[in-house]
Amino acid sequence: MKKKYDFSKAVKGKFYVPEKDLHIPIYLDSKNKKFFNERAITLGTTTSDLVNKVLRKEVEIAQELQIK
């Protein structure tokens, strides 16, 4: 490591990515992946859209259970 670094031409926040724009990979096990891929093809949608729809429904159910 150098003793000194020159930051005079540095740009603050150049590599910052807001959390809302951050896309993280989600890994499905082989059975789930096969199911969602086949179902997405049948429905004419993407696997990502289908999985997100299912997860939104699960969140809805979980929130309803907490209220009651």
PDB file of N, CA and C in Angstrom:
ATOM      1  N   MET A   1       0.834  -1.182   0.000  1.00  0.00           N
ATOM      2  CA  MET A   1       0.000   0.000   0.000  1.00  0.00           C
ATOM      3  C   MET A   1       0.878   1.243   0.000  1.00  0.00           C
ATOM      4  N   LYS A   2       0.462   2.257  -0.733  1.00  0.00           N
ATOM      5  CA  LYS A   2       1.211   3.505  -0.774  1.00  0.00           C
ATOM      6  C   LYS A   2       1.031   4.264   0.529  1.00  0.00           C
ATOM      7  N   LYS A   3       1.991   5.117   0.834  1.00  0.00           N
ATOM      8  CA  LYS A   3       1.870   5.951   2.035  1.00  0.00           C
ATOM      9  C   LYS A   3       0.875   7.077   1.803  1.00  0.00           C
ATOM     10  N   LYS A   4       0.808   7.591   0.582  1.00  0.00           N
ATOM     11  CA  LYS A   4      -0.119   8.674   0.254  1.00  0.00           C
ATOM     12  C   LYS A   4      -0.817   8.381  -1.066  1.00  0.00           C
ATOM     13  N   TYR A   5      -2.057   8.808  -1.161  1.00  0.00           N
ATOM     14  CA  TYR A   5      -2.824   8.673  -2.396  1.00  0.00           C
ATOM     15  C   TYR A   5      -3.322  10.056  -2.803  1.00  0.00           C
ATOM     16  N   ASP A   6      -3.407  10.321  -4.085  1.00  0.00           N
ATOM     17  CA  ASP A   6      -3.869  11.613  -4.595  1.00  0.00           C
ATOM     18  C   ASP A   6      -5.355  11.503  -4.947  1.00  0.00           C
ATOM     19  N   PHE A   7      -6.186  12.144  -4.155  1.00  0.00           N
ATOM     20  CA  PHE A   7      -7.633  12.130  -4.381  1.00  0.00           C
ATOM     21  C   PHE A   7      -8.126  13.447  -4.972  1.00  0.00           C
ATOM     22  N   SER A   8      -7.226  14.269  -5.489  1.00  0.00           N
ATOM     23  CA  SER A   8      -7.603  15.593  -5.992  1.00  0.00           C
ATOM     24  C   SER A   8      -8.550  15.515  -7.189  1.00  0.00           C
ATOM     25  N   LYS A   9      -8.513  14.444  -7.963  1.00  0.00           N
ATOM     26  CA  LYS A   9      -9.384  14.299  -9.132  1.00  0.00           C
ATOM     27  C   LYS A   9     -10.500  13.269  -8.894  1.00  0.00           C
ATOM     28  N   ALA A  10     -10.710  12.928  -7.642  1.00  0.00           N
ATOM     29  CA  ALA A  10     -11.730  11.933  -7.299  1.00  0.00           C
ATOM     30  C   ALA A  10     -13.128  12.514  -7.487  1.00  0.00           C
ATOM     31  N   VAL A  11     -14.079  11.641  -7.754  1.00  0.00           N
ATOM     32  CA  VAL A  11     -15.478  12.037  -7.905  1.00  0.00           C
ATOM     33  C   VAL A  11     -16.264  11.363  -6.797  1.00  0.00           C
ATOM     34  N   LYS A  12     -16.879  12.174  -5.944  1.00  0.00           N
ATOM     35  CA  LYS A  12     -17.647  11.633  -4.819  1.00  0.00           C
ATOM     36  C   LYS A  12     -18.895  10.907  -5.328  1.00  0.00           C
ATOM     37  N   GLY A  13     -19.110   9.689  -4.845  1.00  0.00           N
ATOM     38  CA  GLY A  13     -20.314   8.923  -5.177  1.00  0.00           C
ATOM     39  C   GLY A  13     -20.314   8.307  -6.560  1.00  0.00           C
ATOM     40  N   LYS A  14     -19.189   8.252  -7.223  1.00  0.00           N
ATOM     41  CA  LYS A  14     -19.119   7.745  -8.594  1.00  0.00           C
ATOM     42  C   LYS A  14     -19.648   6.317  -8.717  1.00  0.00           C
ATOM     43  N   PHE A  15     -19.399   5.490  -7.732  1.00  0.00           N
ATOM     44  CA  PHE A  15     -19.802   4.083  -7.795  1.00  0.00           C
ATOM     45  C   PHE A  15     -20.982   3.767  -6.872  1.00  0.00           C
ATOM     46  N   TYR A  16     -21.620   4.787  -6.327  1.00  0.00           N
ATOM     47  CA  TYR A  16     -22.762   4.581  -5.433  1.00  0.00           C
ATOM     48  C   TYR A  16     -23.976   4.107  -6.232  1.00  0.00           C
ATOM     49  N   VAL A  17     -24.632   3.070  -5.731  1.00  0.00           N
ATOM     50  CA  VAL A  17     -25.856   2.564  -6.348  1.00  0.00           C
ATOM     51  C   VAL A  17     -26.951   2.603  -5.282  1.00  0.00           C
ATOM     52  N   PRO A  18     -28.003   3.409  -5.502  1.00  0.00           N
ATOM     53  CA  PRO A  18     -29.094   3.438  -4.518  1.00  0.00           C
ATOM     54  C   PRO A  18     -29.693   2.047  -4.344  1.00  0.00           C
ATOM     55  N   GLU A  19     -30.087   1.736  -3.126  1.00  0.00           N
ATOM     56  CA  GLU A  19     -30.612   0.399  -2.830  1.00  0.00           C
ATOM     57  C   GLU A  19     -31.794   0.029  -3.716  1.00  0.00           C
ATOM     58  N   LYS A  20     -32.634   0.996  -4.049  1.00  0.00           N
ATOM     59  CA  LYS A  20     -33.812   0.679  -4.873  1.00  0.00           C
ATOM     60  C   LYS A  20     -33.440   0.232  -6.280  1.00  0.00           C
ATOM     61  N   ASP A  21     -32.259   0.593  -6.746  1.00  0.00           N
ATOM     62  CA  ASP A  21     -31.810   0.200  -8.075  1.00  0.00           C
ATOM     63  C   ASP A  21     -30.928  -1.034  -8.056  1.00  0.00           C
ATOM     64  N   LEU A  22     -30.714  -1.589  -6.882  1.00  0.00           N
ATOM     65  CA  LEU A  22     -29.830  -2.738  -6.742  1.00  0.00           C
ATOM     66  C   LEU A  22     -30.614  -4.022  -7.016  1.00  0.00           C
ATOM     67  N   HIS A  23     -30.134  -4.809  -7.955  1.00  0.00           N
ATOM     68  CA  HIS A  23     -30.792  -6.077  -8.289  1.00  0.00           C
ATOM     69  C   HIS A  23     -29.942  -7.215  -7.741  1.00  0.00           C
ATOM     70  N   ILE A  24     -30.536  -7.995  -6.837  1.00  0.00           N
ATOM     71  CA  ILE A  24     -29.801  -9.103  -6.249  1.00  0.00           C
ATOM     72  C   ILE A  24     -30.274 -10.415  -6.869  1.00  0.00           C
ATOM     73  N   PRO A  25     -29.369 -11.337  -7.072  1.00  0.00           N
ATOM     74  CA  PRO A  25     -29.793 -12.624  -7.633  1.00  0.00           C
ATOM     75  C   PRO A  25     -30.501 -13.470  -6.579  1.00  0.00           C
ATOM     76  N   ILE A  26     -31.513 -14.165  -7.000  1.00  0.00           N
ATOM     77  CA  ILE A  26     -32.229 -15.103  -6.138  1.00  0.00           C
ATOM     78  C   ILE A  26     -32.083 -16.476  -6.784  1.00  0.00           C
ATOM     79  N   TYR A  27     -31.640 -17.433  -5.998  1.00  0.00           N
ATOM     80  CA  TYR A  27     -31.410 -18.774  -6.527  1.00  0.00           C
ATOM     81  C   TYR A  27     -32.500 -19.723  -6.038  1.00  0.00           C
ATOM     82  N   LEU A  28     -33.175 -20.356  -6.979  1.00  0.00           N
ATOM     83  CA  LEU A  28     -34.227 -21.317  -6.664  1.00  0.00           C
ATOM     84  C   LEU A  28     -33.650 -22.718  -6.728  1.00  0.00           C
ATOM     85  N   ASP A  29     -34.206 -23.602  -5.893  1.00  0.00           N
ATOM     86  CA  ASP A  29     -33.758 -24.991  -6.019  1.00  0.00           C
ATOM     87  C   ASP A  29     -34.319 -25.551  -7.326  1.00  0.00           C
ATOM     88  N   SER A  30     -33.820 -26.690  -7.742  1.00  0.00           N
ATOM     89  CA  SER A  30     -34.142 -27.211  -9.077  1.00  0.00           C
ATOM     90  C   SER A  30     -35.638 -27.474  -9.279  1.00  0.00           C
ATOM     91  N   LYS A  31     -36.319 -27.971  -8.241  1.00  0.00           N
ATOM     92  CA  LYS A  31     -37.759 -28.244  -8.381  1.00  0.00           C
ATOM     93  C   LYS A  31     -38.556 -26.956  -8.556  1.00  0.00           C
ATOM     94  N   ASN A  32     -38.244 -25.941  -7.733  1.00  0.00           N
ATOM     95  CA  ASN A  32     -38.941 -24.664  -7.853  1.00  0.00           C
ATOM     96  C   ASN A  32     -38.635 -23.992  -9.183  1.00  0.00           C
ATOM     97  N   LYS A  33     -37.391 -24.039  -9.580  1.00  0.00           N
ATOM     98  CA  LYS A  33     -36.994 -23.417 -10.843  1.00  0.00           C
ATOM     99  C   LYS A  33     -37.742 -24.050 -12.012  1.00  0.00           C
ATOM    100  N   LYS A  34     -37.806 -25.369 -12.023  1.00  0.00           N
ATOM    101  CA  LYS A  34     -38.514 -26.081 -13.092  1.00  0.00           C
ATOM    102  C   LYS A  34     -39.994 -25.706 -13.098  1.00  0.00           C
ATOM    103  N   PHE A  35     -40.613 -25.721 -11.916  1.00  0.00           N
ATOM    104  CA  PHE A  35     -42.035 -25.392 -11.810  1.00  0.00           C
ATOM    105  C   PHE A  35     -42.317 -23.992 -12.329  1.00  0.00           C
ATOM    106  N   PHE A  36     -41.563 -22.999 -11.829  1.00  0.00           N
ATOM    107  CA  PHE A  36     -41.825 -21.611 -12.207  1.00  0.00           C
ATOM    108  C   PHE A  36     -41.483 -21.347 -13.674  1.00  0.00           C
ATOM    109  N   ASN A  37     -40.427 -21.954 -14.184  1.00  0.00           N
ATOM    110  CA  ASN A  37     -40.094 -21.784 -15.600  1.00  0.00           C
ATOM    111  C   ASN A  37     -41.209 -22.325 -16.486  1.00  0.00           C
ATOM    112  N   GLU A  38     -41.684 -23.533 -16.199  1.00  0.00           N
ATOM    113  CA  GLU A  38     -42.750 -24.146 -17.001  1.00  0.00           C
ATOM    114  C   GLU A  38     -44.043 -23.348 -16.900  1.00  0.00           C
ATOM    115  N   ARG A  39     -44.359 -22.923 -15.685  1.00  0.00           N
ATOM    116  CA  ARG A  39     -45.599 -22.164 -15.459  1.00  0.00           C
ATOM    117  C   ARG A  39     -45.542 -20.810 -16.159  1.00  0.00           C
ATOM    118  N   ALA A  40     -44.386 -20.166 -16.122  1.00  0.00           N
ATOM    119  CA  ALA A  40     -44.223 -18.863 -16.773  1.00  0.00           C
ATOM    120  C   ALA A  40     -44.410 -18.988 -18.279  1.00  0.00           C
ATOM    121  N   ILE A  41     -43.866 -20.041 -18.856  1.00  0.00           N
ATOM    122  CA  ILE A  41     -44.028 -20.271 -20.301  1.00  0.00           C
ATOM    123  C   ILE A  41     -45.502 -20.467 -20.637  1.00  0.00           C
ATOM    124  N   THR A  42     -46.179 -21.278 -19.827  1.00  0.00           N
ATOM    125  CA  THR A  42     -47.609 -21.535 -20.037  1.00  0.00           C
ATOM    126  C   THR A  42     -48.422 -20.250 -19.961  1.00  0.00           C
ATOM    127  N   LEU A  43     -48.078 -19.372 -19.008  1.00  0.00           N
ATOM    128  CA  LEU A  43     -48.825 -18.126 -18.811  1.00  0.00           C
ATOM    129  C   LEU A  43     -48.353 -17.001 -19.723  1.00  0.00           C
ATOM    130  N   GLY A  44     -47.260 -17.219 -20.434  1.00  0.00           N
ATOM    131  CA  GLY A  44     -46.749 -16.188 -21.336  1.00  0.00           C
ATOM    132  C   GLY A  44     -46.117 -15.021 -20.601  1.00  0.00           C
ATOM    133  N   THR A  45     -45.442 -15.297 -19.509  1.00  0.00           N
ATOM    134  CA  THR A  45     -44.791 -14.257 -18.718  1.00  0.00           C
ATOM    135  C   THR A  45     -43.350 -14.681 -18.431  1.00  0.00           C
ATOM    136  N   THR A  46     -42.643 -13.862 -17.687  1.00  0.00           N
ATOM    137  CA  THR A  46     -41.277 -14.235 -17.319  1.00  0.00           C
ATOM    138  C   THR A  46     -41.283 -14.919 -15.962  1.00  0.00           C
ATOM    139  N   THR A  47     -40.252 -15.689 -15.723  1.00  0.00           N
ATOM    140  CA  THR A  47     -40.121 -16.361 -14.426  1.00  0.00           C
ATOM    141  C   THR A  47     -40.030 -15.338 -13.309  1.00  0.00           C
ATOM    142  N   SER A  48     -39.287 -14.270 -13.532  1.00  0.00           N
ATOM    143  CA  SER A  48     -39.145 -13.221 -12.510  1.00  0.00           C
ATOM    144  C   SER A  48     -40.491 -12.602 -12.155  1.00  0.00           C
ATOM    145  N   ASP A  49     -41.278 -12.280 -13.179  1.00  0.00           N
ATOM    146  CA  ASP A  49     -42.591 -11.678 -12.912  1.00  0.00           C
ATOM    147  C   ASP A  49     -43.494 -12.637 -12.144  1.00  0.00           C
ATOM    148  N   LEU A  50     -43.462 -13.898 -12.520  1.00  0.00           N
ATOM    149  CA  LEU A  50     -44.294 -14.893 -11.844  1.00  0.00           C
ATOM    150  C   LEU A  50     -43.874 -15.071 -10.391  1.00  0.00           C
ATOM    151  N   VAL A  51     -42.586 -15.206 -10.150  1.00  0.00           N
ATOM    152  CA  VAL A  51     -42.092 -15.377  -8.773  1.00  0.00           C
ATOM    153  C   VAL A  51     -42.426 -14.137  -7.947  1.00  0.00           C
ATOM    154  N   ASN A  52     -42.263 -12.948  -8.513  1.00  0.00           N
ATOM    155  CA  ASN A  52     -42.601 -11.725  -7.787  1.00  0.00           C
ATOM    156  C   ASN A  52     -44.089 -11.660  -7.455  1.00  0.00           C
ATOM    157  N   LYS A  53     -44.932 -12.101  -8.370  1.00  0.00           N
ATOM    158  CA  LYS A  53     -46.379 -12.119  -8.115  1.00  0.00           C
ATOM    159  C   LYS A  53     -46.711 -13.055  -6.951  1.00  0.00           C
ATOM    160  N   VAL A  54     -46.098 -14.235  -6.947  1.00  0.00           N
ATOM    161  CA  VAL A  54     -46.315 -15.203  -5.866  1.00  0.00           C
ATOM    162  C   VAL A  54     -45.808 -14.632  -4.534  1.00  0.00           C
ATOM    163  N   LEU A  55     -44.644 -14.013  -4.555  1.00  0.00           N
ATOM    164  CA  LEU A  55     -44.094 -13.442  -3.322  1.00  0.00           C
ATOM    165  C   LEU A  55     -44.949 -12.292  -2.794  1.00  0.00           C
ATOM    166  N   ARG A  56     -45.474 -11.455  -3.698  1.00  0.00           N
ATOM    167  CA  ARG A  56     -46.367 -10.364  -3.247  1.00  0.00           C
ATOM    168  C   ARG A  56     -47.593 -10.939  -2.541  1.00  0.00           C
ATOM    169  N   LYS A  57     -48.137 -12.023  -3.080  1.00  0.00           N
ATOM    170  CA  LYS A  57     -49.307 -12.666  -2.472  1.00  0.00           C
ATOM    171  C   LYS A  57     -48.948 -13.227  -1.093  1.00  0.00           C
ATOM    172  N   GLU A  58     -47.761 -13.839  -0.988  1.00  0.00           N
ATOM    173  CA  GLU A  58     -47.306 -14.382   0.295  1.00  0.00           C
ATOM    174  C   GLU A  58     -47.142 -13.264   1.338  1.00  0.00           C
ATOM    175  N   VAL A  59     -46.624 -12.134   0.912  1.00  0.00           N
ATOM    176  CA  VAL A  59     -46.462 -10.991   1.817  1.00  0.00           C
ATOM    177  C   VAL A  59     -47.833 -10.511   2.284  1.00  0.00           C
ATOM    178  N   GLU A  60     -48.783 -10.428   1.353  1.00  0.00           N
ATOM    179  CA  GLU A  60     -50.161 -10.044   1.690  1.00  0.00           C
ATOM    180  C   GLU A  60     -50.738 -10.968   2.764  1.00  0.00           C
ATOM    181  N   ILE A  61     -50.581 -12.263   2.562  1.00  0.00           N
ATOM    182  CA  ILE A  61     -51.105 -13.256   3.506  1.00  0.00           C
ATOM    183  C   ILE A  61     -50.419 -13.100   4.866  1.00  0.00           C
ATOM    184  N   ALA A  62     -49.115 -12.946   4.872  1.00  0.00           N
ATOM    185  CA  ALA A  62     -48.367 -12.792   6.120  1.00  0.00           C
ATOM    186  C   ALA A  62     -48.817 -11.545   6.867  1.00  0.00           C
ATOM    187  N   GLN A  63     -49.059 -10.454   6.143  1.00  0.00           N
ATOM    188  CA  GLN A  63     -49.513  -9.222   6.784  1.00  0.00           C
ATOM    189  C   GLN A  63     -50.917  -9.383   7.346  1.00  0.00           C
ATOM    190  N   GLU A  64     -51.798 -10.081   6.661  1.00  0.00           N
ATOM    191  CA  GLU A  64     -53.144 -10.324   7.147  1.00  0.00           C
ATOM    192  C   GLU A  64     -53.112 -11.155   8.428  1.00  0.00           C
ATOM    193  N   LEU A  65     -52.254 -12.131   8.488  1.00  0.00           N
ATOM    194  CA  LEU A  65     -52.150 -12.989   9.668  1.00  0.00           C
ATOM    195  C   LEU A  65     -51.641 -12.230  10.879  1.00  0.00           C
ATOM    196  N   GLN A  66     -50.793 -11.258  10.673  1.00  0.00           N
ATOM    197  CA  GLN A  66     -50.261 -10.460  11.775  1.00  0.00           C
ATOM    198  C   GLN A  66     -51.308  -9.514  12.353  1.00  0.00           C
ATOM    199  N   ILE A  67     -52.209  -9.026  11.508  1.00  0.00           N
ATOM    200  CA  ILE A  67     -53.230  -8.071  11.945  1.00  0.00           C
ATOM    201  C   ILE A  67     -54.269  -8.739  12.820  1.00  0.00           C
ATOM    202  N   LYS A  68     -54.656  -9.943  12.460  1.00  0.00           N
ATOM    203  CA  LYS A  68     -55.732 -10.635  13.172  1.00  0.00           C
ATOM    204  C   LYS A  68     -55.266 -11.274  14.432  1.00  0.00           C
TER     205      LYS A  68
END
